[in-house]
Amino acid sequence: MKKRLNALKFALENEQKEREFYLANARRTKNLAGKNMFKQIADEEKEHYEILKKVHDQWEKKKKWPATVSLKVKKSVAGSILKSMSGKKAARITGNEDDLKAIRTAIDFEARGAALYTKLEESSTDPKEKAFFNLLASIEREHFLSLRDTEEFLTDPASWFQNMEKTTLDGG
């Protein structure tokens, strides 16, 4: 029980730190794709934080997994951001070293977040709790993949656009 609350508290702090990191980098970067990606993930992390906070507070009061907190989390749309940028010239600005460093730090955050939620899922016996942490882990994995894609985009936009156009041409 105490171990669970500590893990939730850690997850809360994690979501908060990540959100602040994403917002700071959204303000800093000149790259439009990076800016939009950071803003989107910051919004999604805020939603996770709010739900985790409700879960934590209810659990602290009732000493068990809350039955009343809605555990629905919106699907991540971070992956669609780069695709939506494909026609915009401003998106073709190559990322600088600070952008790449931020993306790589974010990739690490998301990998650790996914691992934490997977661990919480595996150590749970409550089906609703398991499903909740599985969902959060899968969203963190989506963020991870979107950020990897952004890293590729920032390092080599020409190849990224070429690969994306191939995908749309052959329908795959």
C-alpha atoms as a PDB file:
ATOM      1  CA  MET A   1       0.000   0.000   0.000  1.00  0.00           C
ATOM      2  CA  LYS A   2       2.660   2.517   1.069  1.00  0.00           C
ATOM      3  CA  LYS A   3       4.893   1.336  -1.769  1.00  0.00           C
ATOM      4  CA  ARG A   4       1.988   1.945  -4.190  1.00  0.00           C
ATOM      5  CA  LEU A   5       1.357   5.483  -2.926  1.00  0.00           C
ATOM      6  CA  ASN A   6       5.062   6.279  -3.196  1.00  0.00           C
ATOM      7  CA  ALA A   7       5.094   4.987  -6.769  1.00  0.00           C
ATOM      8  CA  LEU A   8       2.061   7.134  -7.590  1.00  0.00           C
ATOM      9  CA  LYS A   9       3.698  10.141  -5.954  1.00  0.00           C
ATOM     10  CA  PHE A  10       6.827   9.514  -8.024  1.00  0.00           C
ATOM     11  CA  ALA A  11       4.698   9.220 -11.188  1.00  0.00           C
ATOM     12  CA  LEU A  12       3.001  12.529 -10.327  1.00  0.00           C
ATOM     13  CA  GLU A  13       6.332  14.290  -9.880  1.00  0.00           C
ATOM     14  CA  ASN A  14       7.550  12.714 -13.095  1.00  0.00           C
ATOM     15  CA  GLU A  15       4.545  13.923 -15.131  1.00  0.00           C
ATOM     16  CA  GLN A  16       4.926  17.422 -13.660  1.00  0.00           C
ATOM     17  CA  LYS A  17       8.666  17.619 -14.444  1.00  0.00           C
ATOM     18  CA  GLU A  18       8.129  16.293 -17.952  1.00  0.00           C
ATOM     19  CA  ARG A  19       5.364  18.810 -18.622  1.00  0.00           C
ATOM     20  CA  GLU A  20       7.548  21.719 -17.469  1.00  0.00           C
ATOM     21  CA  PHE A  21      10.393  20.414 -19.625  1.00  0.00           C
ATOM     22  CA  TYR A  22       8.152  20.173 -22.704  1.00  0.00           C
ATOM     23  CA  LEU A  23       6.686  23.654 -22.190  1.00  0.00           C
ATOM     24  CA  ALA A  24      10.131  25.216 -21.718  1.00  0.00           C
ATOM     25  CA  ASN A  25      11.374  23.583 -24.926  1.00  0.00           C
ATOM     26  CA  ALA A  26       8.231  24.543 -26.845  1.00  0.00           C
ATOM     27  CA  ARG A  27       8.985  28.180 -25.952  1.00  0.00           C
ATOM     28  CA  ARG A  28      12.697  27.840 -26.762  1.00  0.00           C
ATOM     29  CA  THR A  29      12.781  26.066 -30.137  1.00  0.00           C
ATOM     30  CA  LYS A  30      12.506  27.850 -33.465  1.00  0.00           C
ATOM     31  CA  ASN A  31      11.577  24.608 -35.231  1.00  0.00           C
ATOM     32  CA  LEU A  32       7.823  24.542 -35.792  1.00  0.00           C
ATOM     33  CA  ALA A  33       7.514  20.757 -35.752  1.00  0.00           C
ATOM     34  CA  GLY A  34       9.494  20.523 -32.518  1.00  0.00           C
ATOM     35  CA  LYS A  35       7.463  23.355 -30.969  1.00  0.00           C
ATOM     36  CA  ASN A  36       4.151  21.668 -31.819  1.00  0.00           C
ATOM     37  CA  MET A  37       5.381  18.251 -30.664  1.00  0.00           C
ATOM     38  CA  PHE A  38       6.540  19.651 -27.316  1.00  0.00           C
ATOM     39  CA  LYS A  39       3.254  21.531 -26.781  1.00  0.00           C
ATOM     40  CA  GLN A  40       1.137  18.487 -27.613  1.00  0.00           C
ATOM     41  CA  ILE A  41       3.030  16.143 -25.310  1.00  0.00           C
ATOM     42  CA  ALA A  42       2.947  18.794 -22.531  1.00  0.00           C
ATOM     43  CA  ASP A  43      -0.873  18.867 -22.825  1.00  0.00           C
ATOM     44  CA  GLU A  44      -1.064  15.077 -22.673  1.00  0.00           C
ATOM     45  CA  GLU A  45       1.260  14.951 -19.646  1.00  0.00           C
ATOM     46  CA  LYS A  46      -0.979  17.514 -17.912  1.00  0.00           C
ATOM     47  CA  GLU A  47      -3.974  15.238 -18.413  1.00  0.00           C
ATOM     48  CA  HIS A  48      -2.029  12.269 -17.003  1.00  0.00           C
ATOM     49  CA  TYR A  49      -0.977  14.369 -14.019  1.00  0.00           C
ATOM     50  CA  GLU A  50      -4.561  15.387 -13.247  1.00  0.00           C
ATOM     51  CA  ILE A  51      -5.850  11.806 -13.385  1.00  0.00           C
ATOM     52  CA  LEU A  52      -2.930  10.463 -11.349  1.00  0.00           C
ATOM     53  CA  LYS A  53      -3.539  13.202  -8.755  1.00  0.00           C
ATOM     54  CA  LYS A  54      -7.194  12.140  -8.386  1.00  0.00           C
ATOM     55  CA  VAL A  55      -6.156   8.498  -8.074  1.00  0.00           C
ATOM     56  CA  HIS A  56      -3.468   9.350  -5.512  1.00  0.00           C
ATOM     57  CA  ASP A  57      -5.780  11.537  -3.398  1.00  0.00           C
ATOM     58  CA  GLN A  58      -8.625   8.996  -3.433  1.00  0.00           C
ATOM     59  CA  TRP A  59      -6.277   6.146  -2.616  1.00  0.00           C
ATOM     60  CA  GLU A  60      -4.751   8.075   0.264  1.00  0.00           C
ATOM     61  CA  LYS A  61      -8.221   8.678   1.732  1.00  0.00           C
ATOM     62  CA  LYS A  62      -9.803   5.271   1.144  1.00  0.00           C
ATOM     63  CA  LYS A  63      -6.648   3.104   1.350  1.00  0.00           C
ATOM     64  CA  LYS A  64      -7.575   1.228  -1.830  1.00  0.00           C
ATOM     65  CA  TRP A  65      -7.735   1.676  -5.585  1.00  0.00           C
ATOM     66  CA  PRO A  66     -10.456   4.277  -6.236  1.00  0.00           C
ATOM     67  CA  ALA A  67     -13.630   3.030  -7.864  1.00  0.00           C
ATOM     68  CA  THR A  68     -14.943   6.521  -8.536  1.00  0.00           C
ATOM     69  CA  VAL A  69     -12.123   8.135 -10.520  1.00  0.00           C
ATOM     70  CA  SER A  70     -12.634   8.059 -14.266  1.00  0.00           C
ATOM     71  CA  LEU A  71      -9.583   6.361 -15.714  1.00  0.00           C
ATOM     72  CA  LYS A  72     -10.156   7.301 -19.316  1.00  0.00           C
ATOM     73  CA  VAL A  73      -7.179   8.990 -20.944  1.00  0.00           C
ATOM     74  CA  LYS A  74      -7.297  10.536 -24.411  1.00  0.00           C
ATOM     75  CA  LYS A  75      -5.306   8.755 -27.081  1.00  0.00           C
ATOM     76  CA  SER A  76      -2.027  10.480 -27.896  1.00  0.00           C
ATOM     77  CA  VAL A  77      -2.084  12.545 -31.087  1.00  0.00           C
ATOM     78  CA  ALA A  78       1.617  13.421 -30.901  1.00  0.00           C
ATOM     79  CA  GLY A  79       2.374  11.023 -33.761  1.00  0.00           C
ATOM     80  CA  SER A  80       0.210  12.959 -36.204  1.00  0.00           C
ATOM     81  CA  ILE A  81       2.019  16.261 -35.628  1.00  0.00           C
ATOM     82  CA  LEU A  82       4.930  15.656 -37.982  1.00  0.00           C
ATOM     83  CA  LYS A  83       2.613  14.358 -40.691  1.00  0.00           C
ATOM     84  CA  SER A  84       0.524  17.529 -40.438  1.00  0.00           C
ATOM     85  CA  MET A  85       3.671  19.630 -40.900  1.00  0.00           C
ATOM     86  CA  SER A  86       4.726  18.005 -44.168  1.00  0.00           C
ATOM     87  CA  GLY A  87       3.417  20.736 -46.465  1.00  0.00           C
ATOM     88  CA  LYS A  88       4.699  23.666 -44.409  1.00  0.00           C
ATOM     89  CA  LYS A  89       7.978  25.319 -45.382  1.00  0.00           C
ATOM     90  CA  ALA A  90       8.552  26.485 -41.790  1.00  0.00           C
ATOM     91  CA  ALA A  91       8.676  22.839 -40.737  1.00  0.00           C
ATOM     92  CA  ARG A  92      11.740  22.298 -42.898  1.00  0.00           C
ATOM     93  CA  ILE A  93      13.970  24.306 -40.567  1.00  0.00           C
ATOM     94  CA  THR A  94      16.591  21.842 -39.392  1.00  0.00           C
ATOM     95  CA  GLY A  95      16.743  21.405 -35.653  1.00  0.00           C
ATOM     96  CA  ASN A  96      19.758  22.776 -33.837  1.00  0.00           C
ATOM     97  CA  GLU A  97      21.852  20.998 -31.191  1.00  0.00           C
ATOM     98  CA  ASP A  98      19.622  22.270 -28.364  1.00  0.00           C
ATOM     99  CA  ASP A  99      16.558  20.838 -30.111  1.00  0.00           C
ATOM    100  CA  LEU A 100      18.229  17.468 -30.575  1.00  0.00           C
ATOM    101  CA  LYS A 101      19.452  17.412 -26.996  1.00  0.00           C
ATOM    102  CA  ALA A 102      15.916  18.203 -25.771  1.00  0.00           C
ATOM    103  CA  ILE A 103      14.375  15.514 -27.984  1.00  0.00           C
ATOM    104  CA  ARG A 104      16.901  12.940 -26.772  1.00  0.00           C
ATOM    105  CA  THR A 105      16.250  13.872 -23.134  1.00  0.00           C
ATOM    106  CA  ALA A 106      12.516  13.559 -23.808  1.00  0.00           C
ATOM    107  CA  ILE A 107      13.028  10.130 -25.417  1.00  0.00           C
ATOM    108  CA  ASP A 108      14.759   9.031 -22.224  1.00  0.00           C
ATOM    109  CA  PHE A 109      11.911  10.459 -20.067  1.00  0.00           C
ATOM    110  CA  GLU A 110       9.299   8.585 -22.038  1.00  0.00           C
ATOM    111  CA  ALA A 111      11.222   5.303 -21.990  1.00  0.00           C
ATOM    112  CA  ARG A 112      11.548   5.555 -18.197  1.00  0.00           C
ATOM    113  CA  GLY A 113       7.878   6.539 -17.859  1.00  0.00           C
ATOM    114  CA  ALA A 114       6.766   3.530 -19.898  1.00  0.00           C
ATOM    115  CA  ALA A 115       8.972   1.255 -17.773  1.00  0.00           C
ATOM    116  CA  LEU A 116       7.580   2.714 -14.523  1.00  0.00           C
ATOM    117  CA  TYR A 117       3.946   2.267 -15.591  1.00  0.00           C
ATOM    118  CA  THR A 118       4.644  -1.242 -16.868  1.00  0.00           C
ATOM    119  CA  LYS A 119       6.193  -2.105 -13.492  1.00  0.00           C
ATOM    120  CA  LEU A 120       3.153  -0.675 -11.666  1.00  0.00           C
ATOM    121  CA  GLU A 121       0.857  -2.648 -13.951  1.00  0.00           C
ATOM    122  CA  GLU A 122       2.747  -5.890 -13.363  1.00  0.00           C
ATOM    123  CA  SER A 123       2.774  -5.480  -9.578  1.00  0.00           C
ATOM    124  CA  SER A 124      -0.971  -4.850  -9.393  1.00  0.00           C
ATOM    125  CA  THR A 125      -3.698  -7.406  -8.782  1.00  0.00           C
ATOM    126  CA  ASP A 126      -6.657  -5.086  -9.376  1.00  0.00           C
ATOM    127  CA  PRO A 127      -7.856  -5.403 -13.027  1.00  0.00           C
ATOM    128  CA  LYS A 128      -8.875  -1.708 -13.238  1.00  0.00           C
ATOM    129  CA  GLU A 129      -5.533  -0.619 -11.852  1.00  0.00           C
ATOM    130  CA  LYS A 130      -3.693  -2.933 -14.262  1.00  0.00           C
ATOM    131  CA  ALA A 131      -5.648  -1.553 -17.218  1.00  0.00           C
ATOM    132  CA  PHE A 132      -4.987   2.037 -16.133  1.00  0.00           C
ATOM    133  CA  PHE A 133      -1.217   1.588 -15.874  1.00  0.00           C
ATOM    134  CA  ASN A 134      -1.166  -0.392 -19.112  1.00  0.00           C
ATOM    135  CA  LEU A 135      -2.876   2.536 -20.838  1.00  0.00           C
ATOM    136  CA  LEU A 136      -0.408   5.063 -19.401  1.00  0.00           C
ATOM    137  CA  ALA A 137       2.532   2.844 -20.396  1.00  0.00           C
ATOM    138  CA  SER A 138       1.213   2.571 -23.959  1.00  0.00           C
ATOM    139  CA  ILE A 139       0.795   6.364 -24.225  1.00  0.00           C
ATOM    140  CA  GLU A 140       4.342   6.894 -22.952  1.00  0.00           C
ATOM    141  CA  ARG A 141       5.503   4.404 -25.628  1.00  0.00           C
ATOM    142  CA  GLU A 142       3.588   6.397 -28.267  1.00  0.00           C
ATOM    143  CA  HIS A 143       5.316   9.568 -27.056  1.00  0.00           C
ATOM    144  CA  PHE A 144       8.635   7.716 -27.248  1.00  0.00           C
ATOM    145  CA  LEU A 145       8.004   6.685 -30.874  1.00  0.00           C
ATOM    146  CA  SER A 146       6.778  10.160 -31.855  1.00  0.00           C
ATOM    147  CA  LEU A 147       9.890  11.695 -30.327  1.00  0.00           C
ATOM    148  CA  ARG A 148      12.128   9.188 -32.145  1.00  0.00           C
ATOM    149  CA  ASP A 149      10.394  10.233 -35.350  1.00  0.00           C
ATOM    150  CA  THR A 150      10.970  13.897 -34.435  1.00  0.00           C
ATOM    151  CA  GLU A 151      14.641  13.155 -33.768  1.00  0.00           C
ATOM    152  CA  GLU A 152      14.937  11.661 -37.261  1.00  0.00           C
ATOM    153  CA  PHE A 153      13.047  14.638 -38.711  1.00  0.00           C
ATOM    154  CA  LEU A 154      15.334  17.171 -36.988  1.00  0.00           C
ATOM    155  CA  THR A 155      18.542  15.371 -37.963  1.00  0.00           C
ATOM    156  CA  ASP A 156      17.641  14.841 -41.603  1.00  0.00           C
ATOM    157  CA  PRO A 157      14.409  16.535 -42.733  1.00  0.00           C
ATOM    158  CA  ALA A 158      14.994  15.746 -46.424  1.00  0.00           C
ATOM    159  CA  SER A 159      15.192  11.979 -45.824  1.00  0.00           C
ATOM    160  CA  TRP A 160      12.312  12.130 -43.387  1.00  0.00           C
ATOM    161  CA  PHE A 161      10.084  13.852 -45.973  1.00  0.00           C
ATOM    162  CA  GLN A 162      11.230  11.409 -48.662  1.00  0.00           C
ATOM    163  CA  ASN A 163      10.361   8.417 -46.444  1.00  0.00           C
ATOM    164  CA  MET A 164       7.027   9.936 -45.527  1.00  0.00           C
ATOM    165  CA  GLU A 165       6.130  10.579 -49.157  1.00  0.00           C
ATOM    166  CA  LYS A 166       7.027   6.974 -50.042  1.00  0.00           C
ATOM    167  CA  THR A 167       4.658   5.769 -47.366  1.00  0.00           C
ATOM    168  CA  THR A 168       1.815   7.804 -48.801  1.00  0.00           C
ATOM    169  CA  LEU A 169       2.604   6.887 -52.416  1.00  0.00           C
ATOM    170  CA  ASP A 170       2.596   3.139 -51.978  1.00  0.00           C
ATOM    171  CA  GLY A 171      -0.302   3.220 -49.555  1.00  0.00           C
ATOM    172  CA  GLY A 172       1.715   1.425 -46.823  1.00  0.00           C
END
